[in-house]
Amino acid sequence: MASFDFTIDLPIRGEWENVDRLRISIQNCCAAMFSDVEGCHSLAMVTGELIENAIKYGAWTGGDDRRFHLRVWGQDRQAHVSVENPVGDDHAEEVMKTLGWMQRFATPIDAYRAKLLEIAAADRGGGDSKLGLVRIAYEGNCTLTAELARGVLRVQAELTV
């Protein structure tokens, strides 16, 4: 794939139908620039999954102006996705804990396998498996980081496309 330099920077309404709209838009923008279909699919998948997390776990106060911030940018073969949303302390703590746990592993697939074994061994009774971020890192072959500032959680993914 040829080198590239691009930025998409948008405030997004926190509505479920926007997940597919943005996933498809990112996929199509990437496909218009590059011939690497698999890399474009990975970038779109990671973007969509992080958007879903923002909508699902965001601390939305109600009202009509439920927005989060999406930024997708790249240079050469490195692509980045950043999603910022308001969040409660409990969710932010879980994200930080999960990402810290993932850093113990050499690769995303190692973390994914360990999480699957943990889930299989646990009797959760249908509870939340905490697999989402681990799966995103594995399927997108990306590195995830997060930071919390003034009630806003920023989750970033970095991947090679």
N, C-alpha and C. Protein backbone atom coordinates (compact mmCIF):
# COMPACT_ATOMS: atom_id res chain seq x y z
N MET A 1 0.84 -1.17 0.00
CA MET A 1 0.00 0.00 0.00
C MET A 1 0.89 1.24 0.00
N ALA A 2 0.52 2.23 -0.75
CA ALA A 2 1.27 3.48 -0.81
C ALA A 2 1.15 4.21 0.52
N SER A 3 2.13 5.09 0.80
CA SER A 3 2.06 5.85 2.05
C SER A 3 0.90 6.85 1.96
N PHE A 4 0.41 7.26 3.10
CA PHE A 4 -0.74 8.16 3.13
C PHE A 4 -0.64 9.10 4.30
N ASP A 5 -1.42 10.15 4.23
CA ASP A 5 -1.51 11.12 5.31
C ASP A 5 -2.92 11.67 5.25
N PHE A 6 -3.76 11.39 6.24
CA PHE A 6 -5.14 11.86 6.22
C PHE A 6 -5.64 12.05 7.65
N THR A 7 -6.70 12.84 7.80
CA THR A 7 -7.33 13.05 9.09
C THR A 7 -8.83 13.20 8.89
N ILE A 8 -9.59 12.51 9.72
CA ILE A 8 -11.04 12.69 9.83
C ILE A 8 -11.28 13.05 11.28
N ASP A 9 -11.91 14.17 11.53
CA ASP A 9 -12.06 14.68 12.90
C ASP A 9 -13.49 15.21 13.04
N LEU A 10 -14.34 14.50 13.80
CA LEU A 10 -15.77 14.82 13.82
C LEU A 10 -16.39 14.72 15.22
N PRO A 11 -17.30 15.64 15.53
CA PRO A 11 -18.18 15.41 16.68
C PRO A 11 -19.36 14.57 16.18
N ILE A 12 -19.68 13.51 16.89
CA ILE A 12 -20.69 12.56 16.41
C ILE A 12 -21.83 12.45 17.42
N ARG A 13 -23.06 12.43 16.90
CA ARG A 13 -24.20 12.19 17.77
C ARG A 13 -24.14 10.76 18.28
N GLY A 14 -24.38 10.57 19.56
CA GLY A 14 -24.31 9.25 20.18
C GLY A 14 -25.54 8.41 19.92
N GLU A 15 -25.77 8.05 18.67
CA GLU A 15 -26.92 7.26 18.27
C GLU A 15 -26.45 5.98 17.60
N TRP A 16 -27.12 4.87 17.90
CA TRP A 16 -26.68 3.57 17.41
C TRP A 16 -26.56 3.49 15.90
N GLU A 17 -27.46 4.14 15.16
CA GLU A 17 -27.38 4.04 13.70
C GLU A 17 -26.10 4.67 13.15
N ASN A 18 -25.45 5.53 13.93
CA ASN A 18 -24.20 6.13 13.47
C ASN A 18 -23.02 5.17 13.49
N VAL A 19 -23.14 4.08 14.23
CA VAL A 19 -22.05 3.09 14.26
C VAL A 19 -21.81 2.55 12.85
N ASP A 20 -22.86 2.03 12.22
CA ASP A 20 -22.69 1.47 10.88
C ASP A 20 -22.38 2.55 9.85
N ARG A 21 -22.99 3.71 9.99
CA ARG A 21 -22.69 4.81 9.06
C ARG A 21 -21.20 5.13 9.07
N LEU A 22 -20.64 5.24 10.25
CA LEU A 22 -19.23 5.61 10.35
C LEU A 22 -18.31 4.46 9.96
N ARG A 23 -18.67 3.24 10.36
CA ARG A 23 -17.86 2.08 9.98
C ARG A 23 -17.77 1.98 8.46
N ILE A 24 -18.90 2.11 7.79
CA ILE A 24 -18.94 2.03 6.33
C ILE A 24 -18.21 3.21 5.70
N SER A 25 -18.36 4.40 6.27
CA SER A 25 -17.68 5.59 5.74
C SER A 25 -16.17 5.44 5.83
N ILE A 26 -15.68 4.97 6.97
CA ILE A 26 -14.24 4.77 7.13
C ILE A 26 -13.75 3.71 6.16
N GLN A 27 -14.50 2.62 6.04
CA GLN A 27 -14.15 1.55 5.10
C GLN A 27 -14.05 2.11 3.68
N ASN A 28 -15.05 2.90 3.28
CA ASN A 28 -15.07 3.43 1.92
C ASN A 28 -13.99 4.48 1.69
N CYS A 29 -13.73 5.34 2.67
CA CYS A 29 -12.65 6.34 2.52
C CYS A 29 -11.32 5.63 2.34
N CYS A 30 -11.08 4.63 3.16
CA CYS A 30 -9.83 3.88 3.09
C CYS A 30 -9.71 3.16 1.74
N ALA A 31 -10.80 2.53 1.31
CA ALA A 31 -10.78 1.79 0.03
C ALA A 31 -10.57 2.73 -1.15
N ALA A 32 -11.05 3.97 -1.02
CA ALA A 32 -10.85 4.95 -2.10
C ALA A 32 -9.38 5.36 -2.22
N MET A 33 -8.64 5.24 -1.10
CA MET A 33 -7.23 5.64 -1.11
C MET A 33 -6.29 4.49 -1.41
N PHE A 34 -6.64 3.27 -0.93
CA PHE A 34 -5.71 2.15 -0.96
C PHE A 34 -6.34 0.90 -1.54
N SER A 35 -5.50 -0.02 -1.95
CA SER A 35 -5.99 -1.28 -2.49
C SER A 35 -5.94 -2.41 -1.46
N ASP A 36 -5.44 -2.14 -0.26
CA ASP A 36 -5.33 -3.14 0.80
C ASP A 36 -6.68 -3.31 1.49
N VAL A 37 -7.51 -4.20 0.97
CA VAL A 37 -8.86 -4.39 1.48
C VAL A 37 -8.84 -4.86 2.93
N GLU A 38 -7.93 -5.75 3.28
CA GLU A 38 -7.86 -6.26 4.65
C GLU A 38 -7.49 -5.16 5.64
N GLY A 39 -6.53 -4.32 5.28
CA GLY A 39 -6.14 -3.20 6.14
C GLY A 39 -7.28 -2.21 6.33
N CYS A 40 -8.01 -1.95 5.26
CA CYS A 40 -9.16 -1.05 5.33
C CYS A 40 -10.26 -1.64 6.21
N HIS A 41 -10.48 -2.94 6.09
CA HIS A 41 -11.48 -3.61 6.92
C HIS A 41 -11.09 -3.53 8.40
N SER A 42 -9.82 -3.74 8.71
CA SER A 42 -9.36 -3.67 10.10
C SER A 42 -9.57 -2.28 10.68
N LEU A 43 -9.22 -1.26 9.91
CA LEU A 43 -9.39 0.12 10.38
C LEU A 43 -10.87 0.43 10.63
N ALA A 44 -11.73 0.01 9.72
CA ALA A 44 -13.16 0.25 9.87
C ALA A 44 -13.73 -0.53 11.04
N MET A 45 -13.31 -1.77 11.23
CA MET A 45 -13.80 -2.59 12.34
C MET A 45 -13.41 -1.99 13.68
N VAL A 46 -12.14 -1.60 13.82
CA VAL A 46 -11.67 -1.00 15.07
C VAL A 46 -12.45 0.29 15.35
N THR A 47 -12.63 1.11 14.33
CA THR A 47 -13.39 2.35 14.49
C THR A 47 -14.81 2.06 14.97
N GLY A 48 -15.48 1.15 14.30
CA GLY A 48 -16.86 0.81 14.67
C GLY A 48 -16.98 0.26 16.08
N GLU A 49 -16.06 -0.60 16.46
CA GLU A 49 -16.11 -1.20 17.80
C GLU A 49 -15.85 -0.16 18.89
N LEU A 50 -14.92 0.75 18.66
CA LEU A 50 -14.67 1.80 19.66
C LEU A 50 -15.85 2.76 19.75
N ILE A 51 -16.52 3.02 18.64
CA ILE A 51 -17.72 3.85 18.65
C ILE A 51 -18.82 3.15 19.45
N GLU A 52 -19.01 1.86 19.22
CA GLU A 52 -20.00 1.10 19.98
C GLU A 52 -19.75 1.19 21.48
N ASN A 53 -18.48 1.04 21.88
CA ASN A 53 -18.15 1.14 23.30
C ASN A 53 -18.48 2.53 23.84
N ALA A 54 -18.19 3.57 23.06
CA ALA A 54 -18.48 4.93 23.51
C ALA A 54 -19.97 5.12 23.74
N ILE A 55 -20.78 4.62 22.83
CA ILE A 55 -22.23 4.77 22.96
C ILE A 55 -22.75 3.90 24.11
N LYS A 56 -22.29 2.67 24.18
CA LYS A 56 -22.79 1.74 25.19
C LYS A 56 -22.40 2.13 26.61
N TYR A 57 -21.16 2.56 26.80
CA TYR A 57 -20.66 2.81 28.15
C TYR A 57 -20.50 4.29 28.50
N GLY A 58 -20.84 5.17 27.59
CA GLY A 58 -20.72 6.59 27.87
C GLY A 58 -21.68 7.03 28.96
N ALA A 59 -21.32 8.07 29.67
CA ALA A 59 -22.18 8.64 30.72
C ALA A 59 -23.00 9.75 30.07
N TRP A 60 -24.08 9.37 29.48
CA TRP A 60 -24.92 10.32 28.75
C TRP A 60 -25.95 10.89 29.71
N THR A 61 -26.02 12.20 29.78
CA THR A 61 -26.92 12.87 30.71
C THR A 61 -28.31 13.05 30.13
N GLY A 62 -28.56 12.55 28.96
CA GLY A 62 -29.86 12.75 28.32
C GLY A 62 -29.82 13.99 27.46
N GLY A 63 -30.96 14.42 27.04
CA GLY A 63 -31.02 15.61 26.19
C GLY A 63 -30.72 15.25 24.75
N ASP A 64 -30.76 16.26 23.91
CA ASP A 64 -30.60 16.05 22.47
C ASP A 64 -29.16 16.13 21.99
N ASP A 65 -28.26 16.63 22.82
CA ASP A 65 -26.90 16.86 22.36
C ASP A 65 -25.94 15.81 22.93
N ARG A 66 -26.25 14.53 22.70
CA ARG A 66 -25.39 13.43 23.13
C ARG A 66 -24.33 13.24 22.06
N ARG A 67 -23.14 13.75 22.30
CA ARG A 67 -22.08 13.66 21.29
C ARG A 67 -20.81 13.07 21.88
N PHE A 68 -20.06 12.43 21.02
CA PHE A 68 -18.71 11.99 21.35
C PHE A 68 -17.82 12.47 20.22
N HIS A 69 -16.54 12.29 20.38
CA HIS A 69 -15.60 12.80 19.39
C HIS A 69 -14.85 11.64 18.74
N LEU A 70 -14.82 11.61 17.43
CA LEU A 70 -14.10 10.60 16.66
C LEU A 70 -13.01 11.29 15.86
N ARG A 71 -11.83 10.72 15.95
CA ARG A 71 -10.72 11.19 15.11
C ARG A 71 -10.02 9.96 14.55
N VAL A 72 -9.85 9.94 13.24
CA VAL A 72 -9.13 8.87 12.56
C VAL A 72 -8.06 9.55 11.72
N TRP A 73 -6.82 9.12 11.87
CA TRP A 73 -5.75 9.74 11.10
C TRP A 73 -4.68 8.70 10.79
N GLY A 74 -3.89 9.01 9.80
CA GLY A 74 -2.83 8.09 9.44
C GLY A 74 -1.70 8.78 8.72
N GLN A 75 -0.58 8.12 8.80
CA GLN A 75 0.61 8.58 8.09
C GLN A 75 1.43 7.35 7.76
N ASP A 76 1.86 7.30 6.51
CA ASP A 76 2.55 6.12 6.00
C ASP A 76 1.66 4.90 6.23
N ARG A 77 2.13 3.88 6.93
CA ARG A 77 1.32 2.67 7.13
C ARG A 77 0.71 2.59 8.53
N GLN A 78 0.85 3.65 9.32
CA GLN A 78 0.28 3.69 10.67
C GLN A 78 -1.05 4.44 10.65
N ALA A 79 -2.07 3.80 11.18
CA ALA A 79 -3.38 4.44 11.31
C ALA A 79 -3.73 4.52 12.79
N HIS A 80 -4.48 5.54 13.15
CA HIS A 80 -4.86 5.77 14.53
C HIS A 80 -6.35 6.08 14.58
N VAL A 81 -6.99 5.59 15.62
CA VAL A 81 -8.40 5.89 15.88
C VAL A 81 -8.48 6.37 17.31
N SER A 82 -9.16 7.48 17.52
CA SER A 82 -9.36 8.02 18.86
C SER A 82 -10.83 8.31 19.04
N VAL A 83 -11.40 7.79 20.13
CA VAL A 83 -12.80 8.04 20.46
C VAL A 83 -12.83 8.61 21.87
N GLU A 84 -13.46 9.78 22.02
CA GLU A 84 -13.59 10.42 23.32
C GLU A 84 -15.06 10.52 23.67
N ASN A 85 -15.40 10.15 24.90
CA ASN A 85 -16.78 10.27 25.36
C ASN A 85 -16.82 10.50 26.87
N PRO A 86 -17.90 11.15 27.34
CA PRO A 86 -18.04 11.30 28.79
C PRO A 86 -18.25 9.91 29.39
N VAL A 87 -17.72 9.70 30.59
CA VAL A 87 -17.78 8.37 31.17
C VAL A 87 -17.85 8.46 32.69
N GLY A 88 -18.48 7.46 33.29
CA GLY A 88 -18.49 7.35 34.75
C GLY A 88 -17.20 6.69 35.22
N ASP A 89 -16.87 6.89 36.48
CA ASP A 89 -15.62 6.35 37.03
C ASP A 89 -15.52 4.84 36.93
N ASP A 90 -16.64 4.14 37.12
CA ASP A 90 -16.61 2.67 37.09
C ASP A 90 -16.15 2.14 35.74
N HIS A 91 -16.72 2.69 34.67
CA HIS A 91 -16.33 2.20 33.34
C HIS A 91 -14.89 2.57 33.02
N ALA A 92 -14.48 3.79 33.35
CA ALA A 92 -13.11 4.22 33.09
C ALA A 92 -12.13 3.30 33.82
N GLU A 93 -12.45 2.95 35.04
CA GLU A 93 -11.59 2.05 35.83
C GLU A 93 -11.49 0.68 35.18
N GLU A 94 -12.61 0.16 34.67
CA GLU A 94 -12.60 -1.14 33.99
C GLU A 94 -11.74 -1.11 32.73
N VAL A 95 -11.86 -0.03 31.96
CA VAL A 95 -11.06 0.10 30.74
C VAL A 95 -9.57 0.11 31.08
N MET A 96 -9.20 0.93 32.05
CA MET A 96 -7.79 1.02 32.45
C MET A 96 -7.28 -0.32 32.97
N LYS A 97 -8.09 -1.00 33.75
CA LYS A 97 -7.72 -2.30 34.29
C LYS A 97 -7.51 -3.32 33.17
N THR A 98 -8.44 -3.35 32.22
CA THR A 98 -8.35 -4.29 31.10
C THR A 98 -7.11 -4.01 30.26
N LEU A 99 -6.85 -2.74 29.94
CA LEU A 99 -5.68 -2.41 29.12
C LEU A 99 -4.38 -2.73 29.86
N GLY A 100 -4.35 -2.50 31.16
CA GLY A 100 -3.18 -2.88 31.96
C GLY A 100 -2.95 -4.37 31.93
N TRP A 101 -4.03 -5.14 32.05
CA TRP A 101 -3.95 -6.61 31.99
C TRP A 101 -3.41 -7.04 30.63
N MET A 102 -3.87 -6.41 29.56
CA MET A 102 -3.44 -6.78 28.21
C MET A 102 -1.94 -6.54 28.00
N GLN A 103 -1.38 -5.56 28.66
CA GLN A 103 0.04 -5.24 28.49
C GLN A 103 0.95 -6.34 29.02
N ARG A 104 0.41 -7.24 29.81
CA ARG A 104 1.20 -8.35 30.33
C ARG A 104 1.55 -9.37 29.24
N PHE A 105 0.88 -9.28 28.10
CA PHE A 105 1.05 -10.27 27.05
C PHE A 105 1.89 -9.71 25.90
N ALA A 106 2.63 -10.61 25.25
CA ALA A 106 3.53 -10.20 24.16
C ALA A 106 2.76 -9.73 22.93
N THR A 107 1.61 -10.34 22.66
CA THR A 107 0.84 -10.01 21.46
C THR A 107 -0.65 -9.98 21.80
N PRO A 108 -1.44 -9.30 20.97
CA PRO A 108 -2.89 -9.30 21.19
C PRO A 108 -3.50 -10.70 21.15
N ILE A 109 -2.97 -11.59 20.31
CA ILE A 109 -3.54 -12.94 20.25
C ILE A 109 -3.29 -13.71 21.55
N ASP A 110 -2.15 -13.45 22.18
CA ASP A 110 -1.88 -14.10 23.47
C ASP A 110 -2.88 -13.64 24.53
N ALA A 111 -3.17 -12.35 24.55
CA ALA A 111 -4.15 -11.81 25.50
C ALA A 111 -5.54 -12.36 25.20
N TYR A 112 -5.88 -12.44 23.93
CA TYR A 112 -7.19 -12.95 23.51
C TYR A 112 -7.38 -14.40 23.95
N ARG A 113 -6.37 -15.21 23.71
CA ARG A 113 -6.45 -16.63 24.12
C ARG A 113 -6.59 -16.75 25.63
N ALA A 114 -5.82 -15.96 26.38
CA ALA A 114 -5.89 -16.00 27.84
C ALA A 114 -7.27 -15.58 28.33
N LYS A 115 -7.85 -14.57 27.70
CA LYS A 115 -9.19 -14.10 28.11
C LYS A 115 -10.24 -15.15 27.79
N LEU A 116 -10.12 -15.81 26.63
CA LEU A 116 -11.07 -16.88 26.29
C LEU A 116 -10.98 -18.03 27.29
N LEU A 117 -9.77 -18.40 27.68
CA LEU A 117 -9.60 -19.46 28.68
C LEU A 117 -10.18 -19.04 30.03
N GLU A 118 -9.99 -17.79 30.39
CA GLU A 118 -10.54 -17.25 31.64
C GLU A 118 -12.07 -17.31 31.62
N ILE A 119 -12.66 -16.92 30.51
CA ILE A 119 -14.12 -16.94 30.37
C ILE A 119 -14.64 -18.37 30.43
N ALA A 120 -13.94 -19.28 29.74
CA ALA A 120 -14.37 -20.68 29.73
C ALA A 120 -14.30 -21.30 31.12
N ALA A 121 -13.32 -20.90 31.92
CA ALA A 121 -13.15 -21.47 33.25
C ALA A 121 -14.07 -20.84 34.29
N ALA A 122 -14.60 -19.65 34.01
CA ALA A 122 -15.43 -18.94 34.99
C ALA A 122 -16.89 -19.32 34.85
N ASP A 123 -17.58 -19.28 35.97
CA ASP A 123 -19.03 -19.46 35.97
C ASP A 123 -19.63 -18.07 36.13
N ARG A 124 -19.88 -17.41 35.02
CA ARG A 124 -20.32 -16.03 35.05
C ARG A 124 -21.84 -15.88 35.05
N GLY A 125 -22.55 -16.90 34.73
CA GLY A 125 -24.00 -16.78 34.71
C GLY A 125 -24.51 -15.73 33.74
N GLY A 126 -23.85 -15.58 32.60
CA GLY A 126 -24.30 -14.64 31.57
C GLY A 126 -23.84 -13.21 31.80
N GLY A 127 -22.93 -12.99 32.72
CA GLY A 127 -22.45 -11.63 33.00
C GLY A 127 -21.53 -11.13 31.92
N ASP A 128 -21.07 -9.90 32.06
CA ASP A 128 -20.17 -9.27 31.10
C ASP A 128 -18.81 -9.95 31.15
N SER A 129 -18.35 -10.44 30.02
CA SER A 129 -17.09 -11.20 29.95
C SER A 129 -15.86 -10.30 29.93
N LYS A 130 -16.03 -9.02 29.65
CA LYS A 130 -14.90 -8.08 29.52
C LYS A 130 -13.99 -8.48 28.36
N LEU A 131 -14.57 -9.07 27.33
CA LEU A 131 -13.81 -9.52 26.17
C LEU A 131 -13.65 -8.43 25.10
N GLY A 132 -14.50 -7.43 25.09
CA GLY A 132 -14.58 -6.46 24.00
C GLY A 132 -13.26 -5.82 23.59
N LEU A 133 -12.57 -5.17 24.52
CA LEU A 133 -11.32 -4.49 24.17
C LEU A 133 -10.25 -5.48 23.74
N VAL A 134 -10.23 -6.64 24.39
CA VAL A 134 -9.24 -7.67 24.05
C VAL A 134 -9.50 -8.16 22.62
N ARG A 135 -10.76 -8.36 22.28
CA ARG A 135 -11.13 -8.81 20.94
C ARG A 135 -10.78 -7.75 19.89
N ILE A 136 -11.03 -6.46 20.21
CA ILE A 136 -10.69 -5.39 19.27
C ILE A 136 -9.19 -5.40 18.97
N ALA A 137 -8.38 -5.51 20.01
CA ALA A 137 -6.92 -5.52 19.82
C ALA A 137 -6.49 -6.71 18.98
N TYR A 138 -7.08 -7.88 19.25
CA TYR A 138 -6.73 -9.08 18.50
C TYR A 138 -7.19 -9.00 17.04
N GLU A 139 -8.49 -8.75 16.83
CA GLU A 139 -9.03 -8.76 15.48
C GLU A 139 -8.48 -7.60 14.63
N GLY A 140 -8.20 -6.48 15.26
CA GLY A 140 -7.65 -5.34 14.53
C GLY A 140 -6.14 -5.31 14.50
N ASN A 141 -5.52 -6.28 15.18
CA ASN A 141 -4.07 -6.33 15.31
C ASN A 141 -3.53 -4.93 15.65
N CYS A 142 -4.07 -4.40 16.76
CA CYS A 142 -3.72 -3.03 17.13
C CYS A 142 -3.33 -2.93 18.60
N THR A 143 -2.74 -1.82 18.93
CA THR A 143 -2.39 -1.49 20.30
C THR A 143 -3.43 -0.50 20.80
N LEU A 144 -3.99 -0.75 21.98
CA LEU A 144 -4.97 0.14 22.57
C LEU A 144 -4.39 0.85 23.78
N THR A 145 -4.69 2.12 23.89
CA THR A 145 -4.32 2.91 25.06
C THR A 145 -5.53 3.74 25.46
N ALA A 146 -5.53 4.24 26.69
CA ALA A 146 -6.64 5.08 27.14
C ALA A 146 -6.13 6.08 28.16
N GLU A 147 -6.85 7.18 28.25
CA GLU A 147 -6.57 8.16 29.28
C GLU A 147 -7.89 8.82 29.69
N LEU A 148 -7.94 9.21 30.95
CA LEU A 148 -9.13 9.84 31.51
C LEU A 148 -8.76 11.23 31.99
N ALA A 149 -9.53 12.23 31.56
CA ALA A 149 -9.30 13.61 31.98
C ALA A 149 -10.64 14.32 32.10
N ARG A 150 -10.92 14.86 33.26
CA ARG A 150 -12.14 15.64 33.51
C ARG A 150 -13.41 14.94 33.06
N GLY A 151 -13.53 13.65 33.38
CA GLY A 151 -14.73 12.90 33.06
C GLY A 151 -14.88 12.47 31.62
N VAL A 152 -13.82 12.64 30.82
CA VAL A 152 -13.86 12.21 29.42
C VAL A 152 -12.81 11.12 29.22
N LEU A 153 -13.25 9.99 28.70
CA LEU A 153 -12.37 8.88 28.41
C LEU A 153 -11.97 8.93 26.95
N ARG A 154 -10.68 8.86 26.68
CA ARG A 154 -10.17 8.78 25.31
C ARG A 154 -9.52 7.42 25.15
N VAL A 155 -10.07 6.62 24.23
CA VAL A 155 -9.48 5.33 23.90
C VAL A 155 -8.90 5.46 22.50
N GLN A 156 -7.63 5.07 22.36
CA GLN A 156 -6.94 5.16 21.09
C GLN A 156 -6.44 3.80 20.64
N ALA A 157 -6.53 3.59 19.35
CA ALA A 157 -5.98 2.37 18.74
C ALA A 157 -4.94 2.80 17.72
N GLU A 158 -3.86 2.03 17.66
CA GLU A 158 -2.84 2.24 16.64
C GLU A 158 -2.66 0.93 15.90
N LEU A 159 -2.76 0.99 14.58
CA LEU A 159 -2.61 -0.23 13.79
C LEU A 159 -1.83 0.05 12.53
N THR A 160 -1.23 -0.98 12.02
CA THR A 160 -0.52 -0.91 10.76
C THR A 160 -1.45 -1.42 9.68
N VAL A 161 -1.61 -0.61 8.64
CA VAL A 161 -2.49 -1.01 7.53
C VAL A 161 -1.71 -1.13 6.25
